[in-house]
Amino acid sequence: MPATADLVRLRGVSKRYGATLALDGVDLDLRAGEVCCLAGENGAGKSTLIRVLTGAVRRDSGEYLMDGEPVGDGWHPARSRQAGIGVVYQELSLLPDLSVAENLLMGALPAAYGLLRRGRLRAEASRMLERVGLAELPTDTPVAELGAANRQLVEIAKVLGGRARVVIFDEPTTALSAEESAALLARIGQLRAEGVAILYVTHRLEEMFEIGDRIAVLRDGQLSKVDDAREFTEDSLIAAMVGRDVHNLYPDGQREPEHAGHPLLEVRGLRPPEGRYPIDLDVRAGEIVGIAGLLGAGRSELLRAIFGADRPVAGTVSVAGKRVPRGDPSASVRAGIGLLSEDRKELGLLPDLSIRENAAMASLSSFATGGWLSNRREAAVVDAALDRMRLRAASFDQEVSTLSGGNQQKVLLARWLVSDVRVLLFDEPTKGIDVGAKAEMYTLIGELAKQGMAICVVSSYLPELLGLVDRIVVLRDSGVVGTITAAEASEEQLVRMSSTGTPVGAGSGHE
C-alpha cells in the first residue's frame, strides 16, 4: 500500500549522553501504510531514537512533529501512547501469571460497583486478539502457558488496543523459529495494509528485504543512508552500516582439515536426556561442522550433552581417541572441549565481574602455584587471548556487562583459548549481535579452524551455516536425518530435510 501521510517527522534531532553524541542531526519520516526498517550496529543510536520517539528521553535539539504538529518539551511515554505510538519490545511487558485478557486490559479492566465484569473483559480481549489472528485463543489462558510466538502476538494486540497508529517493533523475532517469524512478518504486512506506520528494528538483513518499504541506516548516531528497500543490496546495506565495503561476510573456506580420516571429536551413540535416537558425529581437526534443524530438533541439547552440561542417557564422547567422562563439564574442559552457550548468562558470563575475570574463569587453577594465584601470570595470558579477539574495551578491568553482545561473545571465546581447548562448540554464536560483529566472529571461527581446532556450530540462520561451515548435519526429532557438504547444500534442501526428514540422495559427505 503506498504511503499516504507522514505521521511522524523528525528534523535535525540530536541527543547527547555526557561526551557521547548518541543522535546527531537525524531526519526521519514514519508514514501511514509503510514499513520503515531501522538498521545499524549495536551502539549506532537505534535504542536512543526509539526512546526519543516514545518520550522516554528528551531530545536536546531538533524538531519532532506528530500529525504535523510540534511535540513539546512535555512529551513523555504516557503522552506518546495517547498520541498513538506503541512499542513492541524484545523483552515483552506481559505478566506471566495473569491471563491473556488481564494482560491485554491492564489498567482498564471493566468493572461495575467495584466488581470485575468478566464477560465484558473476555469480549473486549477477544476483539483485540482477533486483529492479530488469535481469535481462537481462550482469553483466560495464563500467559505463562503460551509459546513465544503467541506471546509476541498478544503483546502486539495489547499495543494495538491502545489505538496505536505508529508501531515500533524492536527485534521482535529474536526468540522465534523461522516459521513463527514468517507468521509474524505476515501479520505486520496486514497492519501496513490497514494504514499503520511501522518502524521495524532488526539485525536480520533478510527480514528488512522481505518486509521493508524503506530502510534507514544509523551509523555513529547519524543516518548514513535512507532509501527504498529495493535500492539496497546486502553488500550495500552492510557497507552503510559499518562504514566500509564488505564483499564477503564469511571466511574464504579454503581450509584443508588436518589428519584426514582421523577425527579429533568422536561422538558415538550419544542420547541427550530428552533425545529419542542415538547420534554419531565426527569432527576433524581444522573442520567446521554445522548442526541444522528446526526449533526443538535437539541441536542445543546435542552440544550440551557433548560438553557434559546435561548428562546423556547413553553414548560416548572422545577427544583425540581418549574417552571423556559423561555429564562432567570440568572433565570436558580438561579434555579440551569448550562450549559457547546460546544464553551468554547460562554457562557463560558473570555480569558483575570484569572482562579479565570472566575470561580467566575456566583456567584459574593453571595460574596457581602452591595454592597462591599468580595475578601477573593470569593477566599476561588472559590479556593476550583478549587481544587476539580484537576486543573493543577501554580496559580489561571494566565489568563485562558494559560490553556489546558481540564483544561479550569474544570474551567467552577468549576464555576457551586461555584453557587451550581443541574442540569448540558454538550454539547460535551470532544471536543478537550486529552485522559488523558477526563478520568479526566468522573471521575468528575461520582462523581457529585453520589453526587446527575442531568446531561445531549450531545456527538457526541457514545462510550462516552455508557460508561458514564445511559440512552440515541435519537433525529432526533429536535424530540425524543426514549430512551434506555445505558446497553442495542449499537452503531449500536443508529446510526439506529439517521439515520432512527426507535425506538428500547424493553429496552426503561423511560421518
Protein backbone atom coordinates (compact mmCIF):
# COMPACT_ATOMS: atom_id res chain seq x y z
CA MET A 1 0.00 0.00 0.00
CA PRO A 2 1.52 3.36 -0.90
CA ALA A 3 2.26 5.73 1.94
CA THR A 4 -0.43 8.34 2.49
CA ALA A 5 0.85 10.63 5.22
CA ASP A 6 3.82 11.43 7.42
CA LEU A 7 2.52 10.60 10.88
CA VAL A 8 5.92 11.30 12.45
CA ARG A 9 8.59 13.67 11.19
CA LEU A 10 11.99 14.24 12.78
CA ARG A 11 14.29 17.01 11.60
CA GLY A 12 17.80 17.57 12.94
CA VAL A 13 17.17 15.60 16.14
CA SER A 14 20.21 15.22 18.41
CA LYS A 15 20.74 13.63 21.81
CA ARG A 16 23.88 13.62 23.91
CA TYR A 17 24.78 11.48 26.95
CA GLY A 18 27.72 13.22 28.55
CA ALA A 19 30.53 13.22 26.00
CA THR A 20 28.73 10.72 23.76
CA LEU A 21 26.64 12.07 20.90
CA ALA A 22 24.06 9.27 20.59
CA LEU A 23 21.99 11.01 17.87
CA ASP A 24 23.43 13.60 15.56
CA GLY A 25 21.04 15.61 13.38
CA VAL A 26 18.66 12.78 12.50
CA ASP A 27 15.98 13.37 9.83
CA LEU A 28 13.34 10.62 9.60
CA ASP A 29 9.71 10.25 8.49
CA LEU A 30 7.31 7.48 9.50
CA ARG A 31 4.44 7.18 7.04
CA ALA A 32 0.99 5.63 7.23
CA GLY A 33 0.82 2.28 5.45
CA GLU A 34 4.60 1.83 5.27
CA VAL A 35 7.26 -0.28 6.97
CA CYS A 36 10.49 1.61 7.59
CA CYS A 37 13.28 -0.72 8.73
CA LEU A 38 15.92 0.74 11.03
CA ALA A 39 19.35 -0.82 10.57
CA GLY A 40 22.60 -0.21 12.40
CA GLU A 41 25.28 -1.83 14.52
CA ASN A 42 24.98 -2.01 18.29
CA GLY A 43 25.74 1.44 19.65
CA ALA A 44 24.67 3.17 16.43
CA GLY A 45 21.82 5.00 18.21
CA LYS A 46 18.78 2.83 17.46
CA SER A 47 17.66 2.46 21.08
CA THR A 48 18.11 6.20 21.71
CA LEU A 49 16.00 7.00 18.66
CA ILE A 50 13.21 4.75 19.94
CA ARG A 51 13.41 6.40 23.37
CA VAL A 52 13.16 9.86 21.80
CA LEU A 53 10.13 8.81 19.74
CA THR A 54 8.33 7.42 22.78
CA GLY A 55 9.31 10.26 25.12
CA ALA A 56 11.43 8.04 27.38
CA VAL A 57 14.24 10.58 26.89
CA ARG A 58 14.10 14.20 25.83
CA ARG A 59 15.89 15.27 22.66
CA ASP A 60 18.49 18.01 23.09
CA SER A 61 17.73 19.74 19.80
CA GLY A 62 15.81 19.35 16.58
CA GLU A 63 12.17 19.26 15.53
CA TYR A 64 9.69 16.46 16.28
CA LEU A 65 6.30 16.62 14.56
CA MET A 66 3.33 14.30 15.15
CA ASP A 67 0.47 14.68 12.64
CA GLY A 68 2.18 17.89 11.52
CA GLU A 69 2.07 19.42 15.00
CA PRO A 70 5.21 20.11 17.06
CA VAL A 71 5.82 17.83 20.03
CA GLY A 72 6.57 19.96 23.07
CA ASP A 73 9.09 19.53 25.88
CA GLY A 74 6.46 17.73 27.96
CA TRP A 75 6.49 14.69 25.65
CA HIS A 76 6.66 11.53 27.76
CA PRO A 77 5.66 7.84 27.35
CA ALA A 78 2.06 8.30 28.51
CA ARG A 79 1.53 11.19 26.09
CA SER A 80 3.14 9.29 23.23
CA ARG A 81 0.80 6.34 23.86
CA GLN A 82 -2.19 8.70 23.91
CA ALA A 83 -1.00 10.15 20.61
CA GLY A 84 -0.92 6.66 19.08
CA ILE A 85 2.68 5.46 19.35
CA GLY A 86 3.12 1.89 20.55
CA VAL A 87 6.24 -0.22 21.04
CA VAL A 88 6.69 -3.99 20.92
CA TYR A 89 9.97 -4.52 22.75
CA GLN A 90 12.26 -7.53 22.54
CA GLU A 91 11.66 -8.03 26.27
CA LEU A 92 7.88 -8.34 26.46
CA SER A 93 5.84 -6.48 29.08
CA LEU A 94 3.35 -9.29 29.71
CA LEU A 95 2.90 -10.67 33.23
CA PRO A 96 3.13 -14.49 33.01
CA ASP A 97 0.87 -15.27 36.00
CA LEU A 98 -2.05 -13.24 34.68
CA SER A 99 -4.44 -14.33 31.95
CA VAL A 100 -4.28 -13.11 28.37
CA ALA A 101 -7.36 -10.92 28.95
CA GLU A 102 -5.97 -9.40 32.14
CA ASN A 103 -2.71 -8.56 30.40
CA LEU A 104 -4.48 -7.00 27.42
CA LEU A 105 -6.67 -4.73 29.53
CA MET A 106 -4.26 -3.99 32.37
CA GLY A 107 -5.11 -0.55 33.71
CA ALA A 108 -8.51 -0.53 32.00
CA LEU A 109 -10.26 -3.58 33.46
CA PRO A 110 -14.07 -3.26 33.03
CA ALA A 111 -15.79 -3.06 36.42
CA ALA A 112 -19.14 -2.09 37.94
CA TYR A 113 -19.66 -1.27 41.62
CA GLY A 114 -16.14 -2.42 42.35
CA LEU A 115 -16.63 -5.85 40.74
CA LEU A 116 -14.79 -7.05 37.64
CA ARG A 117 -17.11 -7.58 34.68
CA ARG A 118 -15.56 -10.78 33.33
CA GLY A 119 -17.95 -11.18 30.43
CA ARG A 120 -17.07 -7.76 29.10
CA LEU A 121 -13.38 -8.44 29.82
CA ARG A 122 -13.44 -11.59 27.69
CA ALA A 123 -15.40 -9.91 24.90
CA GLU A 124 -13.03 -6.94 24.66
CA ALA A 125 -9.97 -9.20 24.84
CA SER A 126 -11.37 -11.43 22.07
CA ARG A 127 -11.90 -8.38 19.86
CA MET A 128 -8.27 -7.33 20.39
CA LEU A 129 -6.95 -10.85 19.72
CA GLU A 130 -8.95 -11.14 16.52
CA ARG A 131 -6.98 -8.30 15.00
CA VAL A 132 -3.72 -10.27 15.31
CA GLY A 133 -5.14 -13.61 14.15
CA LEU A 134 -5.68 -15.16 17.60
CA ALA A 135 -9.46 -15.22 17.61
CA GLU A 136 -9.45 -18.89 18.74
CA LEU A 137 -7.15 -18.31 21.74
CA PRO A 138 -9.05 -18.65 25.07
CA THR A 139 -8.75 -15.31 26.81
CA ASP A 140 -8.47 -16.85 30.27
CA THR A 141 -5.26 -18.72 29.32
CA PRO A 142 -2.35 -17.77 31.61
CA VAL A 143 0.36 -16.05 29.57
CA ALA A 144 2.92 -18.46 31.09
CA GLU A 145 1.29 -21.27 29.08
CA LEU A 146 1.73 -19.52 25.71
CA GLY A 147 4.53 -20.19 23.26
CA ALA A 148 6.94 -17.44 22.23
CA ALA A 149 5.09 -16.62 19.01
CA ASN A 150 1.68 -16.26 20.67
CA ARG A 151 3.17 -14.15 23.46
CA GLN A 152 4.56 -11.83 20.80
CA LEU A 153 1.17 -11.58 19.10
CA VAL A 154 -0.59 -10.89 22.41
CA GLU A 155 1.92 -8.10 23.03
CA ILE A 156 1.09 -6.65 19.61
CA ALA A 157 -2.64 -6.91 20.37
CA LYS A 158 -2.03 -5.02 23.61
CA VAL A 159 -0.22 -2.23 21.75
CA LEU A 160 -2.90 -2.01 19.06
CA GLY A 161 -5.60 -1.99 21.73
CA GLY A 162 -4.20 1.38 22.77
CA ARG A 163 -5.28 2.69 19.33
CA ALA A 164 -1.68 2.82 18.10
CA ARG A 165 -1.23 4.32 14.65
CA VAL A 166 2.57 4.12 14.79
CA VAL A 167 4.05 0.81 15.98
CA ILE A 168 7.74 0.29 16.70
CA PHE A 169 8.99 -3.31 16.63
CA ASP A 170 12.29 -3.81 18.45
CA GLU A 171 13.94 -7.12 17.41
CA PRO A 172 10.59 -8.97 17.52
CA THR A 173 11.77 -12.28 16.01
CA THR A 174 14.85 -12.91 18.18
CA ALA A 175 13.19 -15.72 20.16
CA LEU A 176 11.05 -17.08 17.31
CA SER A 177 11.56 -20.02 14.97
CA ALA A 178 11.69 -19.48 11.20
CA GLU A 179 8.03 -20.47 10.86
CA GLU A 180 6.95 -18.21 13.73
CA SER A 181 8.97 -15.32 12.30
CA ALA A 182 7.33 -15.74 8.91
CA ALA A 183 3.88 -15.67 10.53
CA LEU A 184 4.75 -12.52 12.47
CA LEU A 185 6.05 -10.76 9.35
CA ALA A 186 2.83 -11.66 7.54
CA ARG A 187 0.84 -10.11 10.40
CA ILE A 188 2.96 -6.94 10.20
CA GLY A 189 2.20 -6.81 6.49
CA GLN A 190 -1.51 -6.81 7.34
CA LEU A 191 -1.01 -3.93 9.77
CA ARG A 192 0.70 -1.99 6.98
CA ALA A 193 -2.32 -2.66 4.74
CA GLU A 194 -4.54 -1.22 7.47
CA GLY A 195 -2.58 2.04 7.33
CA VAL A 196 -0.38 1.63 10.41
CA ALA A 197 3.05 3.30 10.24
CA ILE A 198 5.70 0.79 11.28
CA LEU A 199 9.30 1.25 12.39
CA TYR A 200 10.93 -2.20 12.31
CA VAL A 201 14.27 -2.62 14.10
CA THR A 202 16.24 -5.79 13.41
CA HIS A 203 19.73 -7.20 12.84
CA ARG A 204 18.34 -9.71 10.34
CA LEU A 205 19.02 -8.37 6.87
CA GLU A 206 16.70 -10.86 5.15
CA GLU A 207 13.76 -9.55 7.19
CA MET A 208 14.47 -5.98 6.09
CA PHE A 209 14.35 -7.01 2.44
CA GLU A 210 11.20 -9.10 2.98
CA ILE A 211 9.07 -6.62 4.93
CA GLY A 212 10.65 -3.20 4.39
CA ASP A 213 9.41 -0.46 2.08
CA ARG A 214 12.26 1.82 3.13
CA ILE A 215 15.46 1.18 5.05
CA ALA A 216 17.06 3.84 7.27
CA VAL A 217 20.65 3.12 8.34
CA LEU A 218 22.09 4.61 11.53
CA ARG A 219 25.85 4.77 11.97
CA ASP A 220 27.52 6.57 14.89
CA GLY A 221 24.29 8.46 15.63
CA GLN A 222 23.79 9.73 12.09
CA LEU A 223 21.56 8.47 9.30
CA SER A 224 24.15 7.30 6.79
CA LYS A 225 21.55 6.32 4.20
CA VAL A 226 17.76 6.27 3.75
CA ASP A 227 16.29 4.75 0.60
CA ASP A 228 13.70 2.38 -0.82
CA ALA A 229 14.48 -1.16 0.25
CA ARG A 230 14.74 -2.29 -3.37
CA GLU A 231 17.62 0.13 -3.92
CA PHE A 232 19.81 -1.78 -1.43
CA THR A 233 21.79 -4.95 -1.92
CA GLU A 234 23.05 -6.97 1.03
CA ASP A 235 26.58 -5.65 0.42
CA SER A 236 25.49 -2.02 0.13
CA LEU A 237 23.36 -2.28 3.26
CA ILE A 238 26.24 -3.76 5.27
CA ALA A 239 28.60 -1.10 3.91
CA ALA A 240 26.17 1.63 5.00
CA MET A 241 26.01 0.08 8.49
CA VAL A 242 29.72 -0.47 9.11
CA GLY A 243 31.20 2.32 7.00
CA ARG A 244 33.24 0.05 4.73
CA ASP A 245 32.68 -2.36 1.86
CA VAL A 246 32.07 -5.95 2.90
CA HIS A 247 32.27 -8.11 -0.21
CA ASN A 248 32.48 -11.41 1.63
CA LEU A 249 30.85 -11.76 5.01
CA TYR A 250 32.20 -15.26 5.55
CA PRO A 251 35.75 -16.68 5.58
CA ASP A 252 37.06 -17.98 2.26
CA GLY A 253 36.58 -21.58 3.37
CA GLN A 254 39.87 -22.69 1.83
CA ARG A 255 40.74 -24.98 4.73
CA GLU A 256 42.29 -28.39 4.48
CA PRO A 257 41.24 -30.37 7.56
CA GLU A 258 44.31 -31.92 9.15
CA HIS A 259 44.80 -35.65 9.62
CA ALA A 260 42.10 -36.68 7.13
CA GLY A 261 40.23 -39.71 8.38
CA HIS A 262 41.31 -39.14 12.00
CA PRO A 263 38.55 -37.29 13.86
CA LEU A 264 39.54 -35.07 16.75
CA LEU A 265 36.00 -35.22 18.20
CA GLU A 266 34.18 -38.56 18.09
CA VAL A 267 30.60 -38.94 19.32
CA ARG A 268 29.11 -42.42 19.36
CA GLY A 269 25.53 -43.38 20.23
CA LEU A 270 25.00 -40.21 22.24
CA ARG A 271 21.48 -39.63 23.56
CA PRO A 272 20.81 -36.34 25.38
CA PRO A 273 18.34 -36.52 28.32
CA GLU A 274 15.30 -35.84 26.11
CA GLY A 275 16.78 -37.44 22.98
CA ARG A 276 14.89 -40.15 21.12
CA TYR A 277 17.71 -41.53 18.95
CA PRO A 278 21.45 -42.19 19.39
CA ILE A 279 23.68 -39.77 17.49
CA ASP A 280 27.06 -40.39 15.85
CA LEU A 281 29.23 -37.40 14.90
CA ASP A 282 32.86 -36.94 13.82
CA VAL A 283 34.69 -33.61 13.52
CA ARG A 284 38.27 -33.50 12.28
CA ALA A 285 40.95 -31.02 13.26
CA GLY A 286 40.60 -27.93 11.09
CA GLU A 287 36.98 -28.71 10.17
CA ILE A 288 33.82 -26.70 10.87
CA VAL A 289 30.65 -28.80 11.08
CA GLY A 290 27.24 -27.13 11.20
CA ILE A 291 24.21 -28.50 13.03
CA ALA A 292 20.89 -27.60 11.36
CA GLY A 293 17.29 -28.36 12.28
CA LEU A 294 14.02 -26.79 13.32
CA LEU A 295 13.33 -25.44 16.79
CA GLY A 296 13.02 -28.45 19.09
CA ALA A 297 15.08 -30.74 16.86
CA GLY A 298 17.66 -31.22 19.63
CA ARG A 299 20.52 -29.09 18.31
CA SER A 300 21.40 -27.25 21.54
CA GLU A 301 20.72 -30.40 23.56
CA LEU A 302 23.32 -32.26 21.49
CA LEU A 303 26.02 -29.67 22.19
CA ARG A 304 25.16 -29.59 25.90
CA ALA A 305 25.38 -33.40 26.07
CA ILE A 306 28.75 -33.43 24.29
CA PHE A 307 30.09 -30.83 26.74
CA GLY A 308 28.55 -32.54 29.75
CA ALA A 309 26.29 -29.66 30.82
CA ASP A 310 23.47 -32.21 30.57
CA ARG A 311 24.26 -35.84 31.39
CA PRO A 312 23.47 -38.00 28.34
CA VAL A 313 21.35 -41.12 28.74
CA ALA A 314 23.78 -43.19 26.67
CA GLY A 315 26.77 -42.95 24.37
CA THR A 316 30.37 -41.78 24.42
CA VAL A 317 32.41 -38.67 23.63
CA SER A 318 36.12 -38.91 22.79
CA VAL A 319 38.75 -36.29 22.05
CA ALA A 320 41.85 -37.44 20.16
CA GLY A 321 40.88 -41.02 20.89
CA LYS A 322 40.50 -40.57 24.67
CA ARG A 323 37.13 -41.13 26.30
CA VAL A 324 35.62 -38.13 28.17
CA PRO A 325 33.51 -38.88 31.31
CA ARG A 326 29.80 -38.33 30.67
CA GLY A 327 27.98 -35.41 32.25
CA ASP A 328 31.11 -33.74 33.66
CA PRO A 329 31.84 -30.24 32.24
CA SER A 330 35.10 -29.98 34.22
CA ALA A 331 36.35 -33.21 32.66
CA SER A 332 35.30 -31.92 29.23
CA VAL A 333 37.32 -28.74 29.72
CA ARG A 334 40.34 -30.78 30.82
CA ALA A 335 39.90 -32.91 27.69
CA GLY A 336 39.91 -29.78 25.55
CA ILE A 337 36.21 -29.11 24.87
CA GLY A 338 34.67 -25.64 25.18
CA LEU A 339 31.02 -24.59 24.81
CA LEU A 340 29.76 -21.11 23.91
CA SER A 341 26.15 -21.27 25.05
CA GLU A 342 23.24 -19.62 23.25
CA ASP A 343 22.50 -17.81 26.51
CA ARG A 344 25.59 -15.84 27.49
CA LYS A 345 24.44 -15.76 31.13
CA GLU A 346 23.96 -19.53 31.38
CA LEU A 347 27.26 -21.45 31.26
CA GLY A 348 28.60 -18.04 30.32
CA LEU A 349 29.27 -14.62 31.70
CA LEU A 350 29.04 -13.28 35.24
CA PRO A 351 27.97 -9.69 34.55
CA ASP A 352 29.35 -8.16 37.76
CA LEU A 353 32.88 -9.45 37.19
CA SER A 354 35.47 -7.80 34.99
CA ILE A 355 36.31 -8.78 31.42
CA ARG A 356 39.61 -10.32 32.59
CA GLU A 357 37.98 -12.26 35.46
CA ASN A 358 35.37 -13.72 33.11
CA ALA A 359 37.98 -14.76 30.56
CA ALA A 360 40.14 -16.43 33.25
CA MET A 361 37.29 -18.26 34.99
CA ALA A 362 37.81 -21.70 33.42
CA SER A 363 41.60 -21.71 33.99
CA LEU A 364 42.20 -20.32 37.48
CA SER A 365 43.93 -23.48 38.68
CA SER A 366 46.54 -23.17 35.94
CA PHE A 367 47.58 -19.77 37.32
CA ALA A 368 48.06 -21.04 40.87
CA THR A 369 51.31 -22.20 42.48
CA GLY A 370 51.27 -23.70 45.94
CA GLY A 371 47.71 -22.53 46.44
CA TRP A 372 48.52 -18.90 45.53
CA LEU A 373 47.13 -17.27 42.43
CA SER A 374 49.68 -15.52 40.23
CA ASN A 375 47.86 -12.35 39.15
CA ARG A 376 50.75 -11.30 36.92
CA ARG A 377 50.78 -14.60 35.02
CA GLU A 378 46.99 -14.60 34.79
CA ALA A 379 46.93 -11.09 33.36
CA ALA A 380 49.65 -11.87 30.81
CA VAL A 381 47.95 -15.00 29.46
CA VAL A 382 44.38 -13.69 29.60
CA ASP A 383 45.22 -10.29 28.11
CA ALA A 384 47.00 -11.99 25.22
CA ALA A 385 43.87 -14.02 24.47
CA LEU A 386 41.65 -10.94 24.73
CA ASP A 387 43.96 -9.02 22.41
CA ARG A 388 43.71 -11.87 19.95
CA MET A 389 39.93 -11.38 19.96
CA ARG A 390 40.37 -7.74 18.86
CA LEU A 391 38.14 -6.79 21.79
CA ARG A 392 36.80 -3.23 21.90
CA ALA A 393 37.13 -2.13 25.53
CA ALA A 394 38.71 0.79 27.36
CA SER A 395 40.14 -1.60 29.97
CA PHE A 396 40.00 -5.32 30.68
CA ASP A 397 39.18 -4.36 34.28
CA GLN A 398 35.77 -2.94 33.35
CA GLU A 399 32.63 -5.00 34.05
CA VAL A 400 31.79 -7.38 31.23
CA SER A 401 28.15 -6.20 31.37
CA THR A 402 29.25 -2.88 29.84
CA LEU A 403 30.21 -4.58 26.56
CA SER A 404 28.05 -5.07 23.49
CA GLY A 405 26.73 -8.54 22.69
CA GLY A 406 29.42 -9.14 20.10
CA ASN A 407 32.23 -8.21 22.47
CA GLN A 408 30.72 -10.35 25.24
CA GLN A 409 30.81 -13.28 22.84
CA LYS A 410 34.50 -12.58 22.22
CA VAL A 411 35.18 -12.72 25.98
CA LEU A 412 33.63 -16.19 26.11
CA LEU A 413 35.74 -17.28 23.17
CA ALA A 414 38.88 -15.87 24.82
CA ARG A 415 38.03 -17.93 27.93
CA TRP A 416 38.36 -21.13 25.94
CA LEU A 417 41.54 -20.00 24.22
CA VAL A 418 43.08 -19.44 27.67
CA SER A 419 42.03 -23.03 28.52
CA ASP A 420 43.80 -24.43 25.43
CA VAL A 421 40.71 -26.19 24.13
CA ARG A 422 40.94 -28.17 20.91
CA VAL A 423 37.20 -28.62 20.30
CA LEU A 424 34.82 -25.65 20.26
CA LEU A 425 31.03 -25.95 20.34
CA PHE A 426 29.19 -22.78 19.26
CA ASP A 427 25.45 -22.53 19.99
CA GLU A 428 23.95 -19.63 17.95
CA PRO A 429 27.27 -17.70 18.02
CA THR A 430 25.89 -14.55 16.37
CA LYS A 431 22.48 -14.36 18.07
CA GLY A 432 21.64 -10.77 18.97
CA ILE A 433 24.83 -9.19 17.61
CA ASP A 434 25.11 -6.72 14.77
CA VAL A 435 26.40 -7.42 11.28
CA GLY A 436 29.87 -5.96 11.88
CA ALA A 437 30.32 -8.13 14.98
CA LYS A 438 29.02 -11.13 13.02
CA ALA A 439 31.68 -10.64 10.35
CA GLU A 440 34.36 -10.50 13.04
CA MET A 441 33.02 -13.67 14.70
CA TYR A 442 33.02 -15.51 11.38
CA THR A 443 36.62 -14.45 10.80
CA LEU A 444 37.67 -15.65 14.26
CA ILE A 445 35.94 -19.02 13.81
CA GLY A 446 37.62 -19.46 10.43
CA GLU A 447 41.04 -18.57 11.88
CA LEU A 448 40.62 -21.07 14.74
CA ALA A 449 39.71 -23.82 12.29
CA LYS A 450 42.78 -23.05 10.19
CA GLN A 451 44.86 -23.42 13.36
CA GLY A 452 43.61 -26.98 13.77
CA MET A 453 40.61 -26.76 16.08
CA ALA A 454 37.57 -29.00 15.56
CA ILE A 455 34.49 -26.77 15.54
CA CYS A 456 30.73 -27.43 15.74
CA VAL A 457 28.27 -24.61 15.04
CA VAL A 458 24.53 -24.67 15.77
CA SER A 459 22.69 -21.91 13.92
CA SER A 460 19.07 -21.20 13.03
CA TYR A 461 20.22 -18.89 10.22
CA LEU A 462 20.77 -21.13 7.21
CA PRO A 463 22.85 -18.65 5.14
CA GLU A 464 25.26 -18.55 8.09
CA LEU A 465 25.72 -22.31 8.00
CA LEU A 466 26.07 -22.40 4.22
CA GLY A 467 28.67 -19.62 4.27
CA LEU A 468 30.69 -20.69 7.30
CA VAL A 469 30.92 -24.46 7.65
CA ASP A 470 32.35 -27.40 5.69
CA ARG A 471 29.63 -29.99 6.39
CA ILE A 472 26.10 -29.74 7.75
CA VAL A 473 24.47 -32.38 9.92
CA VAL A 474 20.67 -32.07 9.89
CA LEU A 475 18.66 -33.10 12.97
CA ARG A 476 14.96 -33.86 13.23
CA ASP A 477 13.19 -35.16 16.33
CA SER A 478 16.58 -35.42 18.09
CA GLY A 479 18.00 -37.75 15.43
CA VAL A 480 20.30 -37.32 12.43
CA VAL A 481 18.43 -37.07 9.12
CA GLY A 482 21.56 -36.81 7.03
CA THR A 483 24.81 -35.00 6.34
CA ILE A 484 25.64 -32.83 3.34
CA THR A 485 28.65 -30.75 2.35
CA ALA A 486 27.98 -27.02 2.53
CA ALA A 487 29.27 -26.59 -1.03
CA GLU A 488 26.52 -28.92 -2.31
CA ALA A 489 23.74 -27.76 0.00
CA SER A 490 21.04 -25.14 -0.49
CA GLU A 491 18.58 -23.52 1.89
CA GLU A 492 15.75 -25.40 0.19
CA GLN A 493 17.47 -28.76 0.76
CA LEU A 494 18.13 -28.00 4.42
CA VAL A 495 14.54 -26.88 5.01
CA ARG A 496 13.22 -30.03 3.32
CA MET A 497 15.49 -32.29 5.35
CA SER A 498 14.62 -30.49 8.59
CA SER A 499 10.88 -30.45 7.92
CA THR A 500 10.23 -33.85 6.36
CA GLY A 501 13.18 -35.96 7.42
CA THR A 502 13.94 -36.71 3.77
CA PRO A 503 17.72 -37.08 3.29
CA VAL A 504 19.50 -35.95 0.15
CA GLY A 505 20.45 -38.66 -2.26
CA ALA A 506 23.97 -37.56 -3.12
CA GLY A 507 26.74 -35.47 -1.71
CA SER A 508 26.07 -36.68 1.80
CA GLY A 509 29.61 -36.07 2.95
CA HIS A 510 30.98 -38.40 5.61
CA GLU A 511 30.40 -39.31 9.20
